[in-house]
Amino acid sequence: DLAALAARLLRPPPTLDLTHVTPIRYTMAEAMSAVERRIEDFGRAASFRDLVADCDERIQVVVRFLALLELYRDGRVELDQGETFGEIHVTWQS
């Protein structure tokens, strides 16, 4: 019984099929650069909607939002949202 239990516990886990998951082909560095370029195009202040208007895929919007949070954490942008679920306004600080 002990050998059977050990065999069950030490057996490699089943292979996980990830073919349905789309690989992310957009890096945080690319997103941060894109935000910098776009915000400069708008005169150092823009809405989040403006900053993602050129995104082709939903994952790009998500990664750009995460890039904005990184830039905010680094003190490079200021974020303002007047109301819950309202437009996010971004101002370049550096």
Protein backbone atom coordinates (compact mmCIF):
# COMPACT_ATOMS: atom_id res chain seq x y z
CA ASP A 1 0.00 0.00 0.00
CA LEU A 2 2.85 2.38 0.83
CA ALA A 3 4.48 1.80 -2.57
CA ALA A 4 1.19 2.48 -4.37
CA LEU A 5 0.65 5.68 -2.38
CA ALA A 6 4.22 6.86 -3.09
CA ALA A 7 3.81 6.10 -6.79
CA ARG A 8 0.60 8.15 -6.90
CA LEU A 9 2.16 11.09 -5.04
CA LEU A 10 5.39 11.11 -7.06
CA ARG A 11 3.78 10.73 -10.46
CA PRO A 12 4.37 13.77 -12.74
CA PRO A 13 1.37 16.08 -13.04
CA PRO A 14 -0.72 15.81 -16.18
CA THR A 15 0.25 18.05 -19.07
CA LEU A 16 -1.78 21.25 -19.18
CA ASP A 17 -3.15 22.17 -22.60
CA LEU A 18 -2.59 25.89 -23.21
CA THR A 19 -3.30 25.96 -26.93
CA HIS A 20 -6.44 28.04 -26.32
CA VAL A 21 -4.47 30.83 -24.57
CA THR A 22 -3.29 33.64 -26.80
CA PRO A 23 0.36 34.52 -26.20
CA ILE A 24 1.01 38.13 -25.22
CA ARG A 25 3.15 39.77 -27.86
CA TYR A 26 3.24 43.23 -26.30
CA THR A 27 5.75 44.00 -23.58
CA MET A 28 5.55 46.46 -20.71
CA ALA A 29 8.57 48.32 -22.12
CA GLU A 30 6.81 48.73 -25.47
CA ALA A 31 3.66 49.94 -23.74
CA MET A 32 5.55 52.48 -21.62
CA SER A 33 7.31 53.82 -24.72
CA ALA A 34 4.00 54.03 -26.57
CA VAL A 35 2.43 55.97 -23.69
CA GLU A 36 5.38 58.39 -23.67
CA ARG A 37 5.12 58.95 -27.43
CA ARG A 38 1.34 59.35 -27.41
CA ILE A 39 1.27 61.75 -24.47
CA GLU A 40 3.93 63.92 -26.14
CA ASP A 41 1.75 64.00 -29.27
CA PHE A 42 -1.10 65.40 -27.15
CA GLY A 43 1.00 68.11 -25.51
CA ARG A 44 1.96 66.32 -22.28
CA ALA A 45 -1.65 65.72 -21.18
CA ALA A 46 -4.22 63.30 -22.57
CA SER A 47 -7.09 61.06 -21.62
CA PHE A 48 -6.61 57.32 -21.29
CA ARG A 49 -8.97 56.93 -24.24
CA ASP A 50 -6.58 59.07 -26.34
CA LEU A 51 -3.59 57.01 -25.21
CA VAL A 52 -5.14 53.73 -26.32
CA ALA A 53 -6.90 54.92 -29.48
CA ASP A 54 -4.22 53.33 -31.66
CA CYS A 55 -4.41 49.89 -29.98
CA ASP A 56 -5.50 47.07 -32.27
CA GLU A 57 -6.08 44.42 -29.62
CA ARG A 58 -7.69 44.40 -26.19
CA ILE A 59 -4.51 43.01 -24.60
CA GLN A 60 -2.67 46.15 -25.77
CA VAL A 61 -5.16 48.31 -23.87
CA VAL A 62 -4.66 46.20 -20.74
CA VAL A 63 -0.87 46.36 -20.96
CA ARG A 64 -0.96 50.13 -21.57
CA PHE A 65 -3.10 50.55 -18.47
CA LEU A 66 -0.55 48.55 -16.48
CA ALA A 67 2.20 50.70 -18.02
CA LEU A 68 0.37 53.82 -16.83
CA LEU A 69 0.27 52.40 -13.32
CA GLU A 70 4.03 51.77 -13.50
CA LEU A 71 4.64 55.32 -14.74
CA TYR A 72 2.46 56.65 -11.92
CA ARG A 73 4.36 54.61 -9.36
CA ASP A 74 7.63 56.03 -10.73
CA GLY A 75 6.22 59.58 -10.46
CA ARG A 76 6.43 60.18 -14.20
CA VAL A 77 2.70 60.76 -14.73
CA GLU A 78 -0.15 62.17 -12.68
CA LEU A 79 -3.55 60.49 -12.94
CA ASP A 80 -6.91 62.16 -12.31
CA GLN A 81 -10.37 60.63 -12.46
CA GLY A 82 -13.19 63.02 -11.62
CA GLU A 83 -15.80 60.38 -10.87
CA THR A 84 -16.09 56.64 -10.44
CA PHE A 85 -15.75 54.97 -13.84
CA GLY A 86 -15.13 58.42 -15.37
CA GLU A 87 -12.50 59.38 -17.89
CA ILE A 88 -8.91 59.00 -16.67
CA HIS A 89 -6.78 62.06 -17.40
CA VAL A 90 -3.03 61.64 -17.62
CA THR A 91 -0.46 64.42 -17.24
CA TRP A 92 3.25 63.89 -17.92
CA GLN A 93 5.43 64.97 -14.97
CA SER A 94 9.02 64.41 -16.13
